[in-house]
Amino acid sequence: MIGVERTDFVSVPVRDLDRAKTFYGETLGIPGNPQAHESYPEFETGNLTISLLVSSDDFTPTSSSIALRVQDVVEARKQLEGVGVEFDGEMFDTGVCHVAFFKDPDGNGLALHRRYAPYADGSTP
């Protein structure tokens, strides 16, 4: 075994770095890492760093979604819709969590997420 300790960051490909920095930092309100290199800005979610990476001419957005835990998916969605963020369909209830999918300005998958049901052992995330 290689002894993985944690996931440090996920890279998100973008075409327009300034637009992406505004979206992640201001629209979503994720704090930026002041220690990050200006060409590779990072945003700290608390347990995972989102690292923006300018992609080449053969740009392809990430189709897998980064699920952002929020206190209330319905309220967070309303706030984002109020500033022009469009969602992919309605919020849905999986039976254990609420999820609402959307995309960043470059088409990378994101989701608002909140697990409300405890795990089988009674613990909660």
N, C-alpha and C. Protein backbone atom coordinates (compact mmCIF):
# COMPACT_ATOMS: atom_id res chain seq x y z
N MET A 1 0.85 -1.18 0.00
CA MET A 1 0.00 0.00 0.00
C MET A 1 0.89 1.23 0.00
N ILE A 2 0.41 2.29 -0.64
CA ILE A 2 1.23 3.49 -0.78
C ILE A 2 1.05 4.48 0.36
N GLY A 3 0.06 4.28 1.21
CA GLY A 3 -0.11 5.14 2.39
C GLY A 3 -0.69 6.51 2.11
N VAL A 4 -1.74 6.59 1.29
CA VAL A 4 -2.39 7.87 1.02
C VAL A 4 -2.92 8.45 2.32
N GLU A 5 -2.57 9.70 2.59
CA GLU A 5 -3.00 10.38 3.81
C GLU A 5 -4.27 11.18 3.63
N ARG A 6 -4.45 11.80 2.45
CA ARG A 6 -5.64 12.60 2.17
C ARG A 6 -5.56 13.06 0.73
N THR A 7 -6.61 13.71 0.26
CA THR A 7 -6.59 14.37 -1.04
C THR A 7 -6.25 15.82 -0.81
N ASP A 8 -5.19 16.32 -1.42
CA ASP A 8 -4.77 17.70 -1.20
C ASP A 8 -5.50 18.69 -2.09
N PHE A 9 -5.67 18.36 -3.37
CA PHE A 9 -6.35 19.30 -4.26
C PHE A 9 -6.92 18.56 -5.46
N VAL A 10 -7.83 19.25 -6.13
CA VAL A 10 -8.35 18.80 -7.40
C VAL A 10 -8.15 19.96 -8.37
N SER A 11 -7.63 19.67 -9.56
CA SER A 11 -7.42 20.70 -10.58
C SER A 11 -8.68 20.85 -11.42
N VAL A 12 -9.06 22.10 -11.65
CA VAL A 12 -10.22 22.40 -12.48
C VAL A 12 -9.73 23.18 -13.70
N PRO A 13 -9.93 22.64 -14.90
CA PRO A 13 -9.46 23.34 -16.09
C PRO A 13 -10.35 24.54 -16.41
N VAL A 14 -9.73 25.66 -16.75
CA VAL A 14 -10.49 26.86 -17.10
C VAL A 14 -9.86 27.50 -18.33
N ARG A 15 -10.66 28.30 -19.03
CA ARG A 15 -10.16 29.03 -20.18
C ARG A 15 -9.79 30.46 -19.81
N ASP A 16 -10.59 31.08 -18.95
CA ASP A 16 -10.40 32.47 -18.57
C ASP A 16 -10.14 32.52 -17.07
N LEU A 17 -8.89 32.70 -16.69
CA LEU A 17 -8.49 32.62 -15.28
C LEU A 17 -9.17 33.70 -14.44
N ASP A 18 -9.23 34.93 -14.93
CA ASP A 18 -9.86 36.00 -14.15
C ASP A 18 -11.34 35.73 -13.93
N ARG A 19 -12.03 35.28 -14.96
CA ARG A 19 -13.46 34.95 -14.83
C ARG A 19 -13.65 33.82 -13.82
N ALA A 20 -12.81 32.81 -13.89
CA ALA A 20 -12.91 31.68 -12.96
C ALA A 20 -12.62 32.11 -11.52
N LYS A 21 -11.61 32.96 -11.34
CA LYS A 21 -11.30 33.46 -9.99
C LYS A 21 -12.48 34.23 -9.42
N THR A 22 -13.12 35.04 -10.23
CA THR A 22 -14.30 35.78 -9.77
C THR A 22 -15.43 34.82 -9.41
N PHE A 23 -15.65 33.80 -10.23
CA PHE A 23 -16.74 32.86 -9.98
C PHE A 23 -16.51 32.09 -8.68
N TYR A 24 -15.34 31.48 -8.54
CA TYR A 24 -15.09 30.66 -7.34
C TYR A 24 -14.95 31.52 -6.09
N GLY A 25 -14.29 32.67 -6.22
CA GLY A 25 -14.05 33.51 -5.06
C GLY A 25 -15.21 34.39 -4.66
N GLU A 26 -15.86 35.03 -5.64
CA GLU A 26 -16.93 35.97 -5.32
C GLU A 26 -18.32 35.35 -5.44
N THR A 27 -18.62 34.72 -6.57
CA THR A 27 -19.95 34.15 -6.76
C THR A 27 -20.22 33.02 -5.76
N LEU A 28 -19.26 32.09 -5.66
CA LEU A 28 -19.44 30.97 -4.72
C LEU A 28 -18.97 31.32 -3.31
N GLY A 29 -18.14 32.32 -3.18
CA GLY A 29 -17.67 32.75 -1.86
C GLY A 29 -16.66 31.80 -1.22
N ILE A 30 -15.92 31.06 -2.03
CA ILE A 30 -14.92 30.15 -1.48
C ILE A 30 -13.64 30.96 -1.24
N PRO A 31 -13.10 30.92 -0.04
CA PRO A 31 -11.89 31.71 0.25
C PRO A 31 -10.70 31.27 -0.59
N GLY A 32 -9.99 32.26 -1.11
CA GLY A 32 -8.77 31.99 -1.86
C GLY A 32 -7.61 31.72 -0.92
N ASN A 33 -6.64 30.98 -1.40
CA ASN A 33 -5.43 30.71 -0.63
C ASN A 33 -4.42 31.81 -0.97
N PRO A 34 -4.10 32.70 -0.02
CA PRO A 34 -3.18 33.80 -0.31
C PRO A 34 -1.76 33.33 -0.58
N GLN A 35 -1.43 32.09 -0.25
CA GLN A 35 -0.09 31.55 -0.48
C GLN A 35 0.08 30.93 -1.87
N ALA A 36 -1.03 30.78 -2.58
CA ALA A 36 -0.97 30.15 -3.90
C ALA A 36 -0.30 31.07 -4.91
N HIS A 37 0.33 30.48 -5.90
CA HIS A 37 0.95 31.24 -6.99
C HIS A 37 -0.15 31.91 -7.80
N GLU A 38 0.06 33.15 -8.23
CA GLU A 38 -0.99 33.88 -8.95
C GLU A 38 -1.40 33.21 -10.26
N SER A 39 -0.53 32.44 -10.86
CA SER A 39 -0.87 31.73 -12.10
C SER A 39 -1.66 30.45 -11.83
N TYR A 40 -1.67 30.00 -10.59
CA TYR A 40 -2.36 28.77 -10.20
C TYR A 40 -3.18 29.04 -8.93
N PRO A 41 -4.22 29.86 -9.04
CA PRO A 41 -4.99 30.22 -7.84
C PRO A 41 -5.68 29.00 -7.23
N GLU A 42 -5.78 29.04 -5.91
CA GLU A 42 -6.40 27.95 -5.17
C GLU A 42 -7.51 28.50 -4.29
N PHE A 43 -8.55 27.70 -4.13
CA PHE A 43 -9.69 28.06 -3.29
C PHE A 43 -9.91 26.94 -2.29
N GLU A 44 -10.05 27.32 -1.02
CA GLU A 44 -10.08 26.36 0.09
C GLU A 44 -11.50 26.11 0.58
N THR A 45 -11.96 24.86 0.46
CA THR A 45 -13.31 24.51 0.89
C THR A 45 -13.35 23.99 2.32
N GLY A 46 -12.22 23.82 2.94
CA GLY A 46 -12.18 23.28 4.30
C GLY A 46 -11.58 21.90 4.34
N ASN A 47 -11.87 21.08 3.35
CA ASN A 47 -11.29 19.74 3.31
C ASN A 47 -10.69 19.40 1.96
N LEU A 48 -10.79 20.33 1.01
CA LEU A 48 -10.25 20.10 -0.32
C LEU A 48 -9.92 21.44 -0.96
N THR A 49 -8.78 21.52 -1.61
CA THR A 49 -8.39 22.71 -2.34
C THR A 49 -8.81 22.56 -3.79
N ILE A 50 -9.48 23.58 -4.33
CA ILE A 50 -9.80 23.63 -5.75
C ILE A 50 -8.73 24.49 -6.40
N SER A 51 -7.96 23.90 -7.29
CA SER A 51 -6.86 24.58 -7.97
C SER A 51 -7.27 24.86 -9.42
N LEU A 52 -7.27 26.14 -9.80
CA LEU A 52 -7.64 26.50 -11.16
C LEU A 52 -6.41 26.39 -12.07
N LEU A 53 -6.61 25.78 -13.21
CA LEU A 53 -5.51 25.52 -14.13
C LEU A 53 -5.94 25.93 -15.54
N VAL A 54 -5.26 26.93 -16.10
CA VAL A 54 -5.59 27.36 -17.46
C VAL A 54 -5.27 26.22 -18.40
N SER A 55 -6.27 25.86 -19.19
CA SER A 55 -6.13 24.73 -20.10
C SER A 55 -5.69 25.20 -21.48
N SER A 56 -5.17 24.28 -22.25
CA SER A 56 -4.69 24.58 -23.59
C SER A 56 -5.85 24.76 -24.56
N ASP A 57 -5.52 24.91 -25.82
CA ASP A 57 -6.52 25.12 -26.87
C ASP A 57 -7.49 23.96 -27.01
N ASP A 58 -7.09 22.75 -26.60
CA ASP A 58 -7.98 21.59 -26.70
C ASP A 58 -8.75 21.40 -25.40
N PHE A 59 -9.30 22.49 -24.91
CA PHE A 59 -10.01 22.53 -23.63
C PHE A 59 -11.21 21.58 -23.61
N THR A 60 -11.32 20.84 -22.51
CA THR A 60 -12.48 20.00 -22.25
C THR A 60 -12.85 20.18 -20.78
N PRO A 61 -14.07 20.64 -20.49
CA PRO A 61 -14.45 20.79 -19.09
C PRO A 61 -14.56 19.43 -18.39
N THR A 62 -14.46 19.47 -17.08
CA THR A 62 -14.60 18.26 -16.27
C THR A 62 -16.08 17.92 -16.14
N SER A 63 -16.45 16.71 -16.53
CA SER A 63 -17.85 16.32 -16.46
C SER A 63 -18.25 15.82 -15.07
N SER A 64 -17.31 15.30 -14.31
CA SER A 64 -17.61 14.88 -12.94
C SER A 64 -17.82 16.11 -12.08
N SER A 65 -18.77 16.03 -11.17
CA SER A 65 -19.09 17.19 -10.34
C SER A 65 -18.31 17.20 -9.03
N ILE A 66 -17.89 18.38 -8.64
CA ILE A 66 -17.36 18.60 -7.30
C ILE A 66 -18.57 18.97 -6.45
N ALA A 67 -18.86 18.16 -5.43
CA ALA A 67 -20.01 18.40 -4.57
C ALA A 67 -19.61 19.32 -3.42
N LEU A 68 -20.23 20.49 -3.37
CA LEU A 68 -19.93 21.48 -2.35
C LEU A 68 -20.98 21.39 -1.24
N ARG A 69 -20.55 21.01 -0.05
CA ARG A 69 -21.50 20.89 1.05
C ARG A 69 -21.94 22.27 1.50
N VAL A 70 -23.25 22.45 1.57
CA VAL A 70 -23.84 23.69 2.07
C VAL A 70 -24.85 23.34 3.15
N GLN A 71 -25.19 24.31 3.96
CA GLN A 71 -26.15 24.09 5.05
C GLN A 71 -27.54 23.77 4.51
N ASP A 72 -27.96 24.51 3.48
CA ASP A 72 -29.31 24.37 2.94
C ASP A 72 -29.23 24.48 1.41
N VAL A 73 -29.45 23.39 0.71
CA VAL A 73 -29.32 23.36 -0.74
C VAL A 73 -30.34 24.30 -1.40
N VAL A 74 -31.57 24.32 -0.92
CA VAL A 74 -32.61 25.17 -1.51
C VAL A 74 -32.21 26.64 -1.40
N GLU A 75 -31.79 27.07 -0.23
CA GLU A 75 -31.41 28.47 -0.02
C GLU A 75 -30.16 28.84 -0.81
N ALA A 76 -29.16 27.98 -0.82
CA ALA A 76 -27.94 28.26 -1.57
C ALA A 76 -28.25 28.36 -3.07
N ARG A 77 -29.12 27.50 -3.54
CA ARG A 77 -29.50 27.55 -4.96
C ARG A 77 -30.19 28.87 -5.27
N LYS A 78 -31.10 29.30 -4.43
CA LYS A 78 -31.79 30.58 -4.64
C LYS A 78 -30.79 31.73 -4.72
N GLN A 79 -29.82 31.72 -3.83
CA GLN A 79 -28.81 32.78 -3.84
C GLN A 79 -28.02 32.78 -5.13
N LEU A 80 -27.60 31.61 -5.59
CA LEU A 80 -26.82 31.54 -6.83
C LEU A 80 -27.68 31.88 -8.05
N GLU A 81 -28.91 31.43 -8.07
CA GLU A 81 -29.80 31.80 -9.18
C GLU A 81 -30.00 33.31 -9.22
N GLY A 82 -30.01 33.94 -8.04
CA GLY A 82 -30.17 35.39 -7.96
C GLY A 82 -29.03 36.17 -8.59
N VAL A 83 -27.87 35.54 -8.76
CA VAL A 83 -26.74 36.20 -9.42
C VAL A 83 -26.45 35.59 -10.79
N GLY A 84 -27.44 34.84 -11.32
CA GLY A 84 -27.34 34.37 -12.69
C GLY A 84 -26.83 32.97 -12.92
N VAL A 85 -26.55 32.21 -11.87
CA VAL A 85 -26.09 30.83 -12.06
C VAL A 85 -27.29 29.97 -12.47
N GLU A 86 -27.11 29.19 -13.54
CA GLU A 86 -28.17 28.31 -14.02
C GLU A 86 -27.91 26.89 -13.55
N PHE A 87 -28.96 26.22 -13.13
CA PHE A 87 -28.87 24.85 -12.62
C PHE A 87 -29.36 23.86 -13.66
N ASP A 88 -28.83 22.64 -13.57
CA ASP A 88 -29.19 21.56 -14.48
C ASP A 88 -30.36 20.79 -13.88
N GLY A 89 -31.57 21.23 -14.14
CA GLY A 89 -32.75 20.56 -13.61
C GLY A 89 -33.06 21.00 -12.19
N GLU A 90 -33.98 20.28 -11.59
CA GLU A 90 -34.44 20.60 -10.24
C GLU A 90 -33.53 19.98 -9.19
N MET A 91 -33.60 20.51 -7.98
CA MET A 91 -32.92 19.87 -6.86
C MET A 91 -33.59 18.51 -6.65
N PHE A 92 -32.81 17.52 -6.30
CA PHE A 92 -33.46 16.25 -6.03
C PHE A 92 -33.02 15.68 -4.69
N ASP A 93 -33.87 14.81 -4.20
CA ASP A 93 -33.69 14.17 -2.90
C ASP A 93 -33.40 12.70 -3.16
N THR A 94 -32.23 12.23 -2.76
CA THR A 94 -31.83 10.84 -3.01
C THR A 94 -32.38 9.88 -1.96
N GLY A 95 -33.00 10.43 -0.92
CA GLY A 95 -33.44 9.62 0.20
C GLY A 95 -32.49 9.76 1.38
N VAL A 96 -31.30 10.27 1.12
CA VAL A 96 -30.34 10.54 2.20
C VAL A 96 -29.71 11.93 2.09
N CYS A 97 -29.85 12.55 0.90
CA CYS A 97 -29.26 13.89 0.72
C CYS A 97 -30.02 14.68 -0.34
N HIS A 98 -29.80 15.99 -0.31
CA HIS A 98 -30.32 16.90 -1.34
C HIS A 98 -29.15 17.30 -2.23
N VAL A 99 -29.40 17.37 -3.54
CA VAL A 99 -28.36 17.71 -4.51
C VAL A 99 -28.95 18.61 -5.60
N ALA A 100 -28.17 19.61 -6.00
CA ALA A 100 -28.55 20.48 -7.13
C ALA A 100 -27.30 20.70 -7.98
N PHE A 101 -27.37 20.30 -9.24
CA PHE A 101 -26.21 20.36 -10.14
C PHE A 101 -26.19 21.66 -10.94
N PHE A 102 -24.98 22.18 -11.16
CA PHE A 102 -24.77 23.35 -12.00
C PHE A 102 -23.35 23.29 -12.56
N LYS A 103 -22.98 24.31 -13.32
CA LYS A 103 -21.65 24.33 -13.93
C LYS A 103 -20.99 25.68 -13.69
N ASP A 104 -19.68 25.68 -13.69
CA ASP A 104 -18.96 26.95 -13.62
C ASP A 104 -18.99 27.59 -15.02
N PRO A 105 -18.47 28.80 -15.18
CA PRO A 105 -18.55 29.46 -16.49
C PRO A 105 -17.87 28.70 -17.63
N ASP A 106 -16.97 27.77 -17.32
CA ASP A 106 -16.30 26.99 -18.36
C ASP A 106 -16.95 25.63 -18.58
N GLY A 107 -18.04 25.34 -17.88
CA GLY A 107 -18.76 24.09 -18.08
C GLY A 107 -18.34 22.95 -17.18
N ASN A 108 -17.49 23.23 -16.18
CA ASN A 108 -17.08 22.18 -15.23
C ASN A 108 -18.22 21.88 -14.27
N GLY A 109 -18.43 20.59 -14.00
CA GLY A 109 -19.53 20.17 -13.15
C GLY A 109 -19.33 20.51 -11.68
N LEU A 110 -20.37 21.07 -11.07
CA LEU A 110 -20.41 21.38 -9.64
C LEU A 110 -21.77 20.96 -9.12
N ALA A 111 -21.87 20.80 -7.81
CA ALA A 111 -23.16 20.48 -7.20
C ALA A 111 -23.21 21.07 -5.80
N LEU A 112 -24.39 21.52 -5.43
CA LEU A 112 -24.66 21.85 -4.03
C LEU A 112 -25.14 20.56 -3.40
N HIS A 113 -24.69 20.27 -2.19
CA HIS A 113 -24.99 18.97 -1.59
C HIS A 113 -25.17 19.11 -0.08
N ARG A 114 -26.10 18.33 0.45
CA ARG A 114 -26.25 18.23 1.90
C ARG A 114 -26.84 16.87 2.24
N ARG A 115 -26.07 16.07 2.96
CA ARG A 115 -26.59 14.80 3.48
C ARG A 115 -27.37 15.11 4.74
N TYR A 116 -28.61 14.63 4.82
CA TYR A 116 -29.43 14.88 5.99
C TYR A 116 -29.69 13.61 6.80
N ALA A 117 -29.49 12.46 6.22
CA ALA A 117 -29.75 11.21 6.91
C ALA A 117 -28.45 10.67 7.51
N PRO A 118 -28.53 10.08 8.71
CA PRO A 118 -27.34 9.48 9.28
C PRO A 118 -26.96 8.21 8.53
N TYR A 119 -25.72 7.81 8.70
CA TYR A 119 -25.24 6.55 8.14
C TYR A 119 -25.88 5.40 8.92
N ALA A 120 -25.72 4.18 8.44
CA ALA A 120 -26.35 3.01 9.05
C ALA A 120 -25.97 2.86 10.53
N ASP A 121 -24.75 3.32 10.88
CA ASP A 121 -24.34 3.20 12.30
C ASP A 121 -24.83 4.35 13.16
N GLY A 122 -25.59 5.28 12.57
CA GLY A 122 -26.12 6.40 13.32
C GLY A 122 -25.27 7.64 13.28
N SER A 123 -24.05 7.54 12.77
CA SER A 123 -23.18 8.71 12.69
C SER A 123 -23.60 9.62 11.54
N THR A 124 -23.18 10.84 11.61
CA THR A 124 -23.47 11.81 10.56
C THR A 124 -22.17 12.40 10.03
N PRO A 125 -22.17 12.82 8.78
CA PRO A 125 -20.94 13.38 8.20
C PRO A 125 -20.61 14.75 8.80
